[in-house]
Amino acid sequence: MIIAEANKENREEAALEGHAPLFEEVETTDLRGRWQRIQGEFVDNPHASVEQADRLVASAIQRLAEIFATEKSTLEETWSRGSEVSTEDMRQALRRYRSFFDRILAI
C-alpha cells in the first residue's frame, strides 16, 4: 500500500512537471502488445489487420478523451468554487492545465 501511494505521488509530481505519460504503464503495455499482434497478422490478412488497427487507434483516442475529461473535471473543481478560490489555488490550476497541455503536445 505504501508503495502504491508513493507511485501515485510520483506520477502526480511528474504530471505537474509535464513529464508523466497520459496513459498508465499497464495501458501502454496493453496497447503496444495489441498493436504488435495486429502488425504480426498483416502478412496473413492485411485487410483484417487494417480494420483492427483502425479500431485500436479509435479505442486509444477514446481513452485519451476519457483521461482528459477526468483531468478537466478535477481541475474545474479547483477553480470553480467562486470567491472561495485563492490566487494560489488558481495558480496551481493553471500550472496543471499547462502540464496537461504540454503532455498532449508531446504525443
PDB file of N, CA and C in Angstrom:
ATOM      1  N   MET A   1       0.829  -1.188   0.000  1.00  0.00           N
ATOM      2  CA  MET A   1       0.000   0.000   0.000  1.00  0.00           C
ATOM      3  C   MET A   1       0.872   1.250   0.000  1.00  0.00           C
ATOM      4  N   ILE A   2       1.917   1.255   0.787  1.00  0.00           N
ATOM      5  CA  ILE A   2       2.811   2.415   0.850  1.00  0.00           C
ATOM      6  C   ILE A   2       3.478   2.637  -0.502  1.00  0.00           C
ATOM      7  N   ILE A   3       3.862   1.562  -1.171  1.00  0.00           N
ATOM      8  CA  ILE A   3       4.489   1.673  -2.493  1.00  0.00           C
ATOM      9  C   ILE A   3       3.501   2.261  -3.492  1.00  0.00           C
ATOM     10  N   ALA A   4       2.243   1.810  -3.449  1.00  0.00           N
ATOM     11  CA  ALA A   4       1.229   2.326  -4.366  1.00  0.00           C
ATOM     12  C   ALA A   4       1.016   3.818  -4.147  1.00  0.00           C
ATOM     13  N   GLU A   5       0.992   4.242  -2.880  1.00  0.00           N
ATOM     14  CA  GLU A   5       0.829   5.670  -2.586  1.00  0.00           C
ATOM     15  C   GLU A   5       2.030   6.470  -3.077  1.00  0.00           C
ATOM     16  N   ALA A   6       3.220   5.938  -2.898  1.00  0.00           N
ATOM     17  CA  ALA A   6       4.432   6.620  -3.365  1.00  0.00           C
ATOM     18  C   ALA A   6       4.435   6.717  -4.879  1.00  0.00           C
ATOM     19  N   ASN A   7       4.016   5.635  -5.558  1.00  0.00           N
ATOM     20  CA  ASN A   7       3.940   5.659  -7.020  1.00  0.00           C
ATOM     21  C   ASN A   7       2.936   6.699  -7.495  1.00  0.00           C
ATOM     22  N   LYS A   8       1.795   6.788  -6.803  1.00  0.00           N
ATOM     23  CA  LYS A   8       0.783   7.772  -7.169  1.00  0.00           C
ATOM     24  C   LYS A   8       1.337   9.186  -6.997  1.00  0.00           C
ATOM     25  N   GLU A   9       2.018   9.431  -5.888  1.00  0.00           N
ATOM     26  CA  GLU A   9       2.615  10.751  -5.660  1.00  0.00           C
ATOM     27  C   GLU A   9       3.662  11.066  -6.726  1.00  0.00           C
ATOM     28  N   ASN A  10       4.473  10.087  -7.097  1.00  0.00           N
ATOM     29  CA  ASN A  10       5.478  10.295  -8.138  1.00  0.00           C
ATOM     30  C   ASN A  10       4.834  10.619  -9.476  1.00  0.00           C
ATOM     31  N   ARG A  11       3.739   9.905  -9.827  1.00  0.00           N
ATOM     32  CA  ARG A  11       3.028  10.182 -11.078  1.00  0.00           C
ATOM     33  C   ARG A  11       2.423  11.573 -11.061  1.00  0.00           C
ATOM     34  N   GLU A  12       1.841  11.961  -9.913  1.00  0.00           N
ATOM     35  CA  GLU A  12       1.230  13.281  -9.816  1.00  0.00           C
ATOM     36  C   GLU A  12       2.287  14.378  -9.957  1.00  0.00           C
ATOM     37  N   GLU A  13       3.430  14.201  -9.310  1.00  0.00           N
ATOM     38  CA  GLU A  13       4.506  15.191  -9.421  1.00  0.00           C
ATOM     39  C   GLU A  13       5.030  15.243 -10.852  1.00  0.00           C
ATOM     40  N   ALA A  14       5.213  14.093 -11.479  1.00  0.00           N
ATOM     41  CA  ALA A  14       5.665  14.062 -12.868  1.00  0.00           C
ATOM     42  C   ALA A  14       4.638  14.727 -13.777  1.00  0.00           C
ATOM     43  N   ALA A  15       3.365  14.522 -13.488  1.00  0.00           N
ATOM     44  CA  ALA A  15       2.315  15.157 -14.289  1.00  0.00           C
ATOM     45  C   ALA A  15       2.385  16.669 -14.151  1.00  0.00           C
ATOM     46  N   LEU A  16       2.592  17.149 -12.939  1.00  0.00           N
ATOM     47  CA  LEU A  16       2.704  18.597 -12.736  1.00  0.00           C
ATOM     48  C   LEU A  16       3.891  19.176 -13.484  1.00  0.00           C
ATOM     49  N   GLU A  17       4.941  18.404 -13.594  1.00  0.00           N
ATOM     50  CA  GLU A  17       6.132  18.869 -14.294  1.00  0.00           C
ATOM     51  C   GLU A  17       6.040  18.632 -15.799  1.00  0.00           C
ATOM     52  N   GLY A  18       4.963  18.004 -16.249  1.00  0.00           N
ATOM     53  CA  GLY A  18       4.757  17.765 -17.673  1.00  0.00           C
ATOM     54  C   GLY A  18       5.520  16.575 -18.214  1.00  0.00           C
ATOM     55  N   HIS A  19       5.972  15.684 -17.321  1.00  0.00           N
ATOM     56  CA  HIS A  19       6.787  14.554 -17.757  1.00  0.00           C
ATOM     57  C   HIS A  19       6.052  13.217 -17.734  1.00  0.00           C
ATOM     58  N   ALA A  20       4.900  13.183 -17.127  1.00  0.00           N
ATOM     59  CA  ALA A  20       4.189  11.906 -16.992  1.00  0.00           C
ATOM     60  C   ALA A  20       3.457  11.566 -18.283  1.00  0.00           C
ATOM     61  N   PRO A  21       3.510  10.310 -18.681  1.00  0.00           N
ATOM     62  CA  PRO A  21       2.714   9.909 -19.843  1.00  0.00           C
ATOM     63  C   PRO A  21       1.232  10.008 -19.500  1.00  0.00           C
ATOM     64  N   LEU A  22       0.409  10.185 -20.498  1.00  0.00           N
ATOM     65  CA  LEU A  22      -1.026  10.298 -20.258  1.00  0.00           C
ATOM     66  C   LEU A  22      -1.644   8.954 -19.893  1.00  0.00           C
ATOM     67  N   PHE A  23      -1.125   7.873 -20.456  1.00  0.00           N
ATOM     68  CA  PHE A  23      -1.634   6.543 -20.159  1.00  0.00           C
ATOM     69  C   PHE A  23      -0.809   5.915 -19.047  1.00  0.00           C
ATOM     70  N   GLU A  24      -1.475   5.133 -18.215  1.00  0.00           N
ATOM     71  CA  GLU A  24      -0.766   4.355 -17.211  1.00  0.00           C
ATOM     72  C   GLU A  24       0.125   3.337 -17.918  1.00  0.00           C
ATOM     73  N   GLU A  25       1.162   2.891 -17.252  1.00  0.00           N
ATOM     74  CA  GLU A  25       2.110   1.952 -17.863  1.00  0.00           C
ATOM     75  C   GLU A  25       1.429   0.671 -18.313  1.00  0.00           C
ATOM     76  N   VAL A  26       0.500   0.158 -17.525  1.00  0.00           N
ATOM     77  CA  VAL A  26      -0.189  -1.087 -17.889  1.00  0.00           C
ATOM     78  C   VAL A  26      -1.027  -0.888 -19.153  1.00  0.00           C
ATOM     79  N   GLU A  27      -1.646   0.290 -19.299  1.00  0.00           N
ATOM     80  CA  GLU A  27      -2.422   0.564 -20.514  1.00  0.00           C
ATOM     81  C   GLU A  27      -1.509   0.662 -21.731  1.00  0.00           C
ATOM     82  N   THR A  28      -0.400   1.332 -21.560  1.00  0.00           N
ATOM     83  CA  THR A  28       0.559   1.480 -22.653  1.00  0.00           C
ATOM     84  C   THR A  28       1.071   0.116 -23.094  1.00  0.00           C
ATOM     85  N   THR A  29       1.404  -0.721 -22.133  1.00  0.00           N
ATOM     86  CA  THR A  29       1.897  -2.067 -22.445  1.00  0.00           C
ATOM     87  C   THR A  29       0.833  -2.869 -23.191  1.00  0.00           C
ATOM     88  N   ASP A  30      -0.415  -2.775 -22.735  1.00  0.00           N
ATOM     89  CA  ASP A  30      -1.503  -3.480 -23.403  1.00  0.00           C
ATOM     90  C   ASP A  30      -1.695  -2.972 -24.829  1.00  0.00           C
ATOM     91  N   LEU A  31      -1.727  -1.661 -25.006  1.00  0.00           N
ATOM     92  CA  LEU A  31      -1.919  -1.093 -26.346  1.00  0.00           C
ATOM     93  C   LEU A  31      -0.789  -1.485 -27.288  1.00  0.00           C
ATOM     94  N   ARG A  32       0.444  -1.419 -26.796  1.00  0.00           N
ATOM     95  CA  ARG A  32       1.584  -1.812 -27.641  1.00  0.00           C
ATOM     96  C   ARG A  32       1.531  -3.300 -28.000  1.00  0.00           C
ATOM     97  N   GLY A  33       1.137  -4.137 -27.039  1.00  0.00           N
ATOM     98  CA  GLY A  33       1.009  -5.574 -27.302  1.00  0.00           C
ATOM     99  C   GLY A  33      -0.058  -5.858 -28.340  1.00  0.00           C
ATOM    100  N   ARG A  34      -1.178  -5.163 -28.225  1.00  0.00           N
ATOM    101  CA  ARG A  34      -2.250  -5.334 -29.206  1.00  0.00           C
ATOM    102  C   ARG A  34      -1.775  -4.887 -30.588  1.00  0.00           C
ATOM    103  N   TRP A  35      -1.023  -3.777 -30.636  1.00  0.00           N
ATOM    104  CA  TRP A  35      -0.505  -3.298 -31.917  1.00  0.00           C
ATOM    105  C   TRP A  35       0.444  -4.330 -32.537  1.00  0.00           C
ATOM    106  N   GLN A  36       1.308  -4.900 -31.708  1.00  0.00           N
ATOM    107  CA  GLN A  36       2.262  -5.892 -32.213  1.00  0.00           C
ATOM    108  C   GLN A  36       1.530  -7.099 -32.812  1.00  0.00           C
ATOM    109  N   ARG A  37       0.450  -7.542 -32.151  1.00  0.00           N
ATOM    110  CA  ARG A  37      -0.330  -8.665 -32.687  1.00  0.00           C
ATOM    111  C   ARG A  37      -0.967  -8.293 -34.027  1.00  0.00           C
ATOM    112  N   ILE A  38      -1.518  -7.096 -34.103  1.00  0.00           N
ATOM    113  CA  ILE A  38      -2.142  -6.641 -35.358  1.00  0.00           C
ATOM    114  C   ILE A  38      -1.105  -6.600 -36.472  1.00  0.00           C
ATOM    115  N   GLN A  39       0.032  -6.021 -36.170  1.00  0.00           N
ATOM    116  CA  GLN A  39       1.090  -5.902 -37.168  1.00  0.00           C
ATOM    117  C   GLN A  39       1.596  -7.275 -37.595  1.00  0.00           C
ATOM    118  N   GLY A  40       1.702  -8.193 -36.630  1.00  0.00           N
ATOM    119  CA  GLY A  40       2.177  -9.540 -36.936  1.00  0.00           C
ATOM    120  C   GLY A  40       1.219 -10.328 -37.819  1.00  0.00           C
ATOM    121  N   GLU A  41      -0.051  -9.985 -37.779  1.00  0.00           N
ATOM    122  CA  GLU A  41      -1.051 -10.693 -38.578  1.00  0.00           C
ATOM    123  C   GLU A  41      -1.222 -10.093 -39.974  1.00  0.00           C
ATOM    124  N   PHE A  42      -0.534  -9.006 -40.257  1.00  0.00           N
ATOM    125  CA  PHE A  42      -0.722  -8.298 -41.514  1.00  0.00           C
ATOM    126  C   PHE A  42      -0.435  -9.176 -42.732  1.00  0.00           C
ATOM    127  N   VAL A  43       0.645  -9.928 -42.706  1.00  0.00           N
ATOM    128  CA  VAL A  43       1.036 -10.734 -43.871  1.00  0.00           C
ATOM    129  C   VAL A  43      -0.060 -11.730 -44.239  1.00  0.00           C
ATOM    130  N   ASP A  44      -0.652 -12.365 -43.229  1.00  0.00           N
ATOM    131  CA  ASP A  44      -1.680 -13.371 -43.495  1.00  0.00           C
ATOM    132  C   ASP A  44      -3.028 -12.756 -43.842  1.00  0.00           C
ATOM    133  N   ASN A  45      -3.326 -11.575 -43.309  1.00  0.00           N
ATOM    134  CA  ASN A  45      -4.639 -10.981 -43.551  1.00  0.00           C
ATOM    135  C   ASN A  45      -4.552  -9.457 -43.448  1.00  0.00           C
ATOM    136  N   PRO A  46      -4.045  -8.804 -44.497  1.00  0.00           N
ATOM    137  CA  PRO A  46      -3.839  -7.360 -44.453  1.00  0.00           C
ATOM    138  C   PRO A  46      -5.124  -6.567 -44.189  1.00  0.00           C
ATOM    139  N   HIS A  47      -6.206  -6.978 -44.824  1.00  0.00           N
ATOM    140  CA  HIS A  47      -7.462  -6.240 -44.658  1.00  0.00           C
ATOM    141  C   HIS A  47      -7.930  -6.262 -43.199  1.00  0.00           C
ATOM    142  N   ALA A  48      -7.919  -7.430 -42.594  1.00  0.00           N
ATOM    143  CA  ALA A  48      -8.337  -7.562 -41.195  1.00  0.00           C
ATOM    144  C   ALA A  48      -7.397  -6.781 -40.277  1.00  0.00           C
ATOM    145  N   SER A  49      -6.107  -6.802 -40.576  1.00  0.00           N
ATOM    146  CA  SER A  49      -5.139  -6.064 -39.758  1.00  0.00           C
ATOM    147  C   SER A  49      -5.411  -4.567 -39.785  1.00  0.00           C
ATOM    148  N   VAL A  50      -5.717  -4.044 -40.967  1.00  0.00           N
ATOM    149  CA  VAL A  50      -6.005  -2.606 -41.080  1.00  0.00           C
ATOM    150  C   VAL A  50      -7.286  -2.266 -40.319  1.00  0.00           C
ATOM    151  N   GLU A  51      -8.290  -3.127 -40.417  1.00  0.00           N
ATOM    152  CA  GLU A  51      -9.540  -2.896 -39.668  1.00  0.00           C
ATOM    153  C   GLU A  51      -9.278  -2.913 -38.164  1.00  0.00           C
ATOM    154  N   GLN A  52      -8.473  -3.865 -37.702  1.00  0.00           N
ATOM    155  CA  GLN A  52      -8.145  -3.948 -36.281  1.00  0.00           C
ATOM    156  C   GLN A  52      -7.332  -2.728 -35.842  1.00  0.00           C
ATOM    157  N   ALA A  53      -6.426  -2.280 -36.698  1.00  0.00           N
ATOM    158  CA  ALA A  53      -5.633  -1.094 -36.386  1.00  0.00           C
ATOM    159  C   ALA A  53      -6.532   0.128 -36.243  1.00  0.00           C
ATOM    160  N   ASP A  54      -7.505   0.238 -37.126  1.00  0.00           N
ATOM    161  CA  ASP A  54      -8.460   1.347 -37.050  1.00  0.00           C
ATOM    162  C   ASP A  54      -9.196   1.332 -35.719  1.00  0.00           C
ATOM    163  N   ARG A  55      -9.666   0.157 -35.321  1.00  0.00           N
ATOM    164  CA  ARG A  55     -10.394   0.042 -34.048  1.00  0.00           C
ATOM    165  C   ARG A  55      -9.481   0.340 -32.854  1.00  0.00           C
ATOM    166  N   LEU A  56      -8.238  -0.123 -32.921  1.00  0.00           N
ATOM    167  CA  LEU A  56      -7.303   0.111 -31.819  1.00  0.00           C
ATOM    168  C   LEU A  56      -6.998   1.598 -31.669  1.00  0.00           C
ATOM    169  N   VAL A  57      -6.750   2.270 -32.782  1.00  0.00           N
ATOM    170  CA  VAL A  57      -6.479   3.708 -32.731  1.00  0.00           C
ATOM    171  C   VAL A  57      -7.705   4.459 -32.216  1.00  0.00           C
ATOM    172  N   ALA A  58      -8.882   4.095 -32.681  1.00  0.00           N
ATOM    173  CA  ALA A  58     -10.111   4.738 -32.198  1.00  0.00           C
ATOM    174  C   ALA A  58     -10.277   4.510 -30.699  1.00  0.00           C
ATOM    175  N   SER A  59      -9.961   3.317 -30.242  1.00  0.00           N
ATOM    176  CA  SER A  59     -10.049   2.994 -28.818  1.00  0.00           C
ATOM    177  C   SER A  59      -9.062   3.833 -28.002  1.00  0.00           C
ATOM    178  N   ALA A  60      -7.849   3.978 -28.503  1.00  0.00           N
ATOM    179  CA  ALA A  60      -6.835   4.774 -27.800  1.00  0.00           C
ATOM    180  C   ALA A  60      -7.253   6.242 -27.742  1.00  0.00           C
ATOM    181  N   ILE A  61      -7.827   6.745 -28.814  1.00  0.00           N
ATOM    182  CA  ILE A  61      -8.297   8.137 -28.835  1.00  0.00           C
ATOM    183  C   ILE A  61      -9.452   8.311 -27.853  1.00  0.00           C
ATOM    184  N   GLN A  62     -10.357   7.343 -27.816  1.00  0.00           N
ATOM    185  CA  GLN A  62     -11.472   7.397 -26.861  1.00  0.00           C
ATOM    186  C   GLN A  62     -10.947   7.402 -25.433  1.00  0.00           C
ATOM    187  N   ARG A  63      -9.969   6.560 -25.159  1.00  0.00           N
ATOM    188  CA  ARG A  63      -9.386   6.503 -23.810  1.00  0.00           C
ATOM    189  C   ARG A  63      -8.721   7.832 -23.464  1.00  0.00           C
ATOM    190  N   LEU A  64      -8.046   8.420 -24.423  1.00  0.00           N
ATOM    191  CA  LEU A  64      -7.422   9.722 -24.209  1.00  0.00           C
ATOM    192  C   LEU A  64      -8.476  10.773 -23.876  1.00  0.00           C
ATOM    193  N   ALA A  65      -9.613  10.724 -24.554  1.00  0.00           N
ATOM    194  CA  ALA A  65     -10.707  11.653 -24.264  1.00  0.00           C
ATOM    195  C   ALA A  65     -11.227  11.445 -22.842  1.00  0.00           C
ATOM    196  N   GLU A  66     -11.307  10.190 -22.398  1.00  0.00           N
ATOM    197  CA  GLU A  66     -11.735   9.904 -21.027  1.00  0.00           C
ATOM    198  C   GLU A  66     -10.741  10.449 -20.014  1.00  0.00           C
ATOM    199  N   ILE A  67      -9.462  10.267 -20.298  1.00  0.00           N
ATOM    200  CA  ILE A  67      -8.418  10.783 -19.413  1.00  0.00           C
ATOM    201  C   ILE A  67      -8.524  12.304 -19.324  1.00  0.00           C
ATOM    202  N   PHE A  68      -8.708  12.943 -20.466  1.00  0.00           N
ATOM    203  CA  PHE A  68      -8.846  14.399 -20.488  1.00  0.00           C
ATOM    204  C   PHE A  68     -10.066  14.838 -19.680  1.00  0.00           C
ATOM    205  N   ALA A  69     -11.198  14.164 -19.858  1.00  0.00           N
ATOM    206  CA  ALA A  69     -12.421  14.538 -19.142  1.00  0.00           C
ATOM    207  C   ALA A  69     -12.232  14.430 -17.635  1.00  0.00           C
ATOM    208  N   THR A  70     -11.563  13.381 -17.195  1.00  0.00           N
ATOM    209  CA  THR A  70     -11.293  13.213 -15.765  1.00  0.00           C
ATOM    210  C   THR A  70     -10.386  14.319 -15.252  1.00  0.00           C
ATOM    211  N   GLU A  71      -9.322  14.585 -15.979  1.00  0.00           N
ATOM    212  CA  GLU A  71      -8.378  15.639 -15.575  1.00  0.00           C
ATOM    213  C   GLU A  71      -9.077  16.997 -15.571  1.00  0.00           C
ATOM    214  N   LYS A  72      -9.865  17.255 -16.577  1.00  0.00           N
ATOM    215  CA  LYS A  72     -10.578  18.533 -16.674  1.00  0.00           C
ATOM    216  C   LYS A  72     -11.534  18.704 -15.505  1.00  0.00           C
ATOM    217  N   SER A  73     -12.251  17.655 -15.168  1.00  0.00           N
ATOM    218  CA  SER A  73     -13.182  17.706 -14.038  1.00  0.00           C
ATOM    219  C   SER A  73     -12.449  18.023 -12.734  1.00  0.00           C
ATOM    220  N   THR A  74     -11.325  17.367 -12.531  1.00  0.00           N
ATOM    221  CA  THR A  74     -10.518  17.612 -11.334  1.00  0.00           C
ATOM    222  C   THR A  74     -10.048  19.060 -11.292  1.00  0.00           C
ATOM    223  N   LEU A  75      -9.590  19.546 -12.426  1.00  0.00           N
ATOM    224  CA  LEU A  75      -9.105  20.927 -12.476  1.00  0.00           C
ATOM    225  C   LEU A  75     -10.236  21.929 -12.264  1.00  0.00           C
ATOM    226  N   GLU A  76     -11.386  21.665 -12.843  1.00  0.00           N
ATOM    227  CA  GLU A  76     -12.518  22.572 -12.678  1.00  0.00           C
ATOM    228  C   GLU A  76     -12.945  22.671 -11.222  1.00  0.00           C
ATOM    229  N   GLU A  77     -12.859  21.560 -10.496  1.00  0.00           N
ATOM    230  CA  GLU A  77     -13.191  21.585  -9.075  1.00  0.00           C
ATOM    231  C   GLU A  77     -12.272  22.541  -8.322  1.00  0.00           C
ATOM    232  N   THR A  78     -11.042  22.649  -8.773  1.00  0.00           N
ATOM    233  CA  THR A  78     -10.066  23.508  -8.109  1.00  0.00           C
ATOM    234  C   THR A  78     -10.408  24.982  -8.243  1.00  0.00           C
ATOM    235  N   TRP A  79     -10.843  25.407  -9.414  1.00  0.00           N
ATOM    236  CA  TRP A  79     -11.003  26.843  -9.635  1.00  0.00           C
ATOM    237  C   TRP A  79     -12.441  27.326  -9.743  1.00  0.00           C
ATOM    238  N   SER A  80     -13.415  26.449  -9.742  1.00  0.00           N
ATOM    239  CA  SER A  80     -14.788  26.884  -9.994  1.00  0.00           C
ATOM    240  C   SER A  80     -15.615  27.120  -8.731  1.00  0.00           C
ATOM    241  N   ARG A  81     -14.966  27.269  -7.607  1.00  0.00           N
ATOM    242  CA  ARG A  81     -15.703  27.477  -6.357  1.00  0.00           C
ATOM    243  C   ARG A  81     -16.046  28.947  -6.120  1.00  0.00           C
ATOM    244  N   GLY A  82     -15.861  29.764  -7.098  1.00  0.00           N
ATOM    245  CA  GLY A  82     -16.206  31.186  -6.970  1.00  0.00           C
ATOM    246  C   GLY A  82     -15.228  31.936  -6.100  1.00  0.00           C
ATOM    247  N   SER A  83     -15.751  32.720  -5.175  1.00  0.00           N
ATOM    248  CA  SER A  83     -14.908  33.588  -4.360  1.00  0.00           C
ATOM    249  C   SER A  83     -14.098  32.829  -3.317  1.00  0.00           C
ATOM    250  N   GLU A  84     -14.387  31.539  -3.117  1.00  0.00           N
ATOM    251  CA  GLU A  84     -13.644  30.730  -2.151  1.00  0.00           C
ATOM    252  C   GLU A  84     -12.238  30.386  -2.644  1.00  0.00           C
ATOM    253  N   VAL A  85     -11.978  30.571  -3.909  1.00  0.00           N
ATOM    254  CA  VAL A  85     -10.722  30.139  -4.508  1.00  0.00           C
ATOM    255  C   VAL A  85      -9.651  31.202  -4.299  1.00  0.00           C
ATOM    256  N   SER A  86      -8.525  30.767  -3.779  1.00  0.00           N
ATOM    257  CA  SER A  86      -7.410  31.690  -3.566  1.00  0.00           C
ATOM    258  C   SER A  86      -6.604  31.846  -4.852  1.00  0.00           C
ATOM    259  N   THR A  87      -5.807  32.867  -4.897  1.00  0.00           N
ATOM    260  CA  THR A  87      -4.916  33.066  -6.036  1.00  0.00           C
ATOM    261  C   THR A  87      -3.963  31.884  -6.166  1.00  0.00           C
ATOM    262  N   GLU A  88      -3.535  31.327  -5.050  1.00  0.00           N
ATOM    263  CA  GLU A  88      -2.646  30.162  -5.090  1.00  0.00           C
ATOM    264  C   GLU A  88      -3.353  28.959  -5.710  1.00  0.00           C
ATOM    265  N   ASP A  89      -4.631  28.759  -5.367  1.00  0.00           N
ATOM    266  CA  ASP A  89      -5.399  27.671  -5.990  1.00  0.00           C
ATOM    267  C   ASP A  89      -5.478  27.878  -7.498  1.00  0.00           C
ATOM    268  N   MET A  90      -5.708  29.117  -7.900  1.00  0.00           N
ATOM    269  CA  MET A  90      -5.790  29.427  -9.330  1.00  0.00           C
ATOM    270  C   MET A  90      -4.439  29.195 -10.012  1.00  0.00           C
ATOM    271  N   ARG A  91      -3.363  29.565  -9.342  1.00  0.00           N
ATOM    272  CA  ARG A  91      -2.020  29.357  -9.898  1.00  0.00           C
ATOM    273  C   ARG A  91      -1.756  27.868 -10.092  1.00  0.00           C
ATOM    274  N   GLN A  92      -2.117  27.067  -9.102  1.00  0.00           N
ATOM    275  CA  GLN A  92      -1.926  25.620  -9.200  1.00  0.00           C
ATOM    276  C   GLN A  92      -2.785  25.030 -10.324  1.00  0.00           C
ATOM    277  N   ALA A  93      -4.015  25.520 -10.461  1.00  0.00           N
ATOM    278  CA  ALA A  93      -4.880  25.033 -11.542  1.00  0.00           C
ATOM    279  C   ALA A  93      -4.264  25.367 -12.895  1.00  0.00           C
ATOM    280  N   LEU A  94      -3.780  26.591 -13.056  1.00  0.00           N
ATOM    281  CA  LEU A  94      -3.159  26.971 -14.327  1.00  0.00           C
ATOM    282  C   LEU A  94      -1.915  26.133 -14.591  1.00  0.00           C
ATOM    283  N   ARG A  95      -1.151  25.867 -13.562  1.00  0.00           N
ATOM    284  CA  ARG A  95       0.047  25.037 -13.694  1.00  0.00           C
ATOM    285  C   ARG A  95      -0.323  23.633 -14.169  1.00  0.00           C
ATOM    286  N   ARG A  96      -1.399  23.073 -13.603  1.00  0.00           N
ATOM    287  CA  ARG A  96      -1.823  21.726 -14.011  1.00  0.00           C
ATOM    288  C   ARG A  96      -2.376  21.721 -15.427  1.00  0.00           C
ATOM    289  N   TYR A  97      -3.106  22.776 -15.804  1.00  0.00           N
ATOM    290  CA  TYR A  97      -3.573  22.887 -17.197  1.00  0.00           C
ATOM    291  C   TYR A  97      -2.376  22.947 -18.146  1.00  0.00           C
ATOM    292  N   ARG A  98      -1.380  23.749 -17.807  1.00  0.00           N
ATOM    293  CA  ARG A  98      -0.187  23.865 -18.656  1.00  0.00           C
ATOM    294  C   ARG A  98       0.493  22.512 -18.792  1.00  0.00           C
ATOM    295  N   SER A  99       0.616  21.800 -17.686  1.00  0.00           N
ATOM    296  CA  SER A  99       1.247  20.491 -17.711  1.00  0.00           C
ATOM    297  C   SER A  99       0.475  19.520 -18.592  1.00  0.00           C
ATOM    298  N   PHE A 100      -0.849  19.504 -18.427  1.00  0.00           N
ATOM    299  CA  PHE A 100      -1.663  18.596 -19.235  1.00  0.00           C
ATOM    300  C   PHE A 100      -1.554  18.959 -20.711  1.00  0.00           C
ATOM    301  N   PHE A 101      -1.567  20.244 -21.001  1.00  0.00           N
ATOM    302  CA  PHE A 101      -1.425  20.713 -22.378  1.00  0.00           C
ATOM    303  C   PHE A 101      -0.083  20.279 -22.967  1.00  0.00           C
ATOM    304  N   ASP A 102       0.984  20.419 -22.196  1.00  0.00           N
ATOM    305  CA  ASP A 102       2.299  20.003 -22.658  1.00  0.00           C
ATOM    306  C   ASP A 102       2.350  18.503 -22.912  1.00  0.00           C
ATOM    307  N   ARG A 103       1.683  17.734 -22.059  1.00  0.00           N
ATOM    308  CA  ARG A 103       1.645  16.283 -22.230  1.00  0.00           C
ATOM    309  C   ARG A 103       0.884  15.898 -23.490  1.00  0.00           C
ATOM    310  N   ILE A 104      -0.185  16.625 -23.794  1.00  0.00           N
ATOM    311  CA  ILE A 104      -0.934  16.372 -25.027  1.00  0.00           C
ATOM    312  C   ILE A 104      -0.052  16.662 -26.235  1.00  0.00           C
ATOM    313  N   LEU A 105       0.662  17.770 -26.210  1.00  0.00           N
ATOM    314  CA  LEU A 105       1.507  18.132 -27.338  1.00  0.00           C
ATOM    315  C   LEU A 105       2.688  17.187 -27.515  1.00  0.00           C
ATOM    316  N   ALA A 106       3.056  16.509 -26.455  1.00  0.00           N
ATOM    317  CA  ALA A 106       4.197  15.579 -26.520  1.00  0.00           C
ATOM    318  C   ALA A 106       3.837  14.249 -27.180  1.00  0.00           C
ATOM    319  N   ILE A 107       2.563  14.046 -27.445  1.00  0.00           N
ATOM    320  CA  ILE A 107       2.122  12.781 -28.051  1.00  0.00           C
ATOM    321  C   ILE A 107       2.655  12.666 -29.465  1.00  0.00           C
TER     322      ILE A 107
END
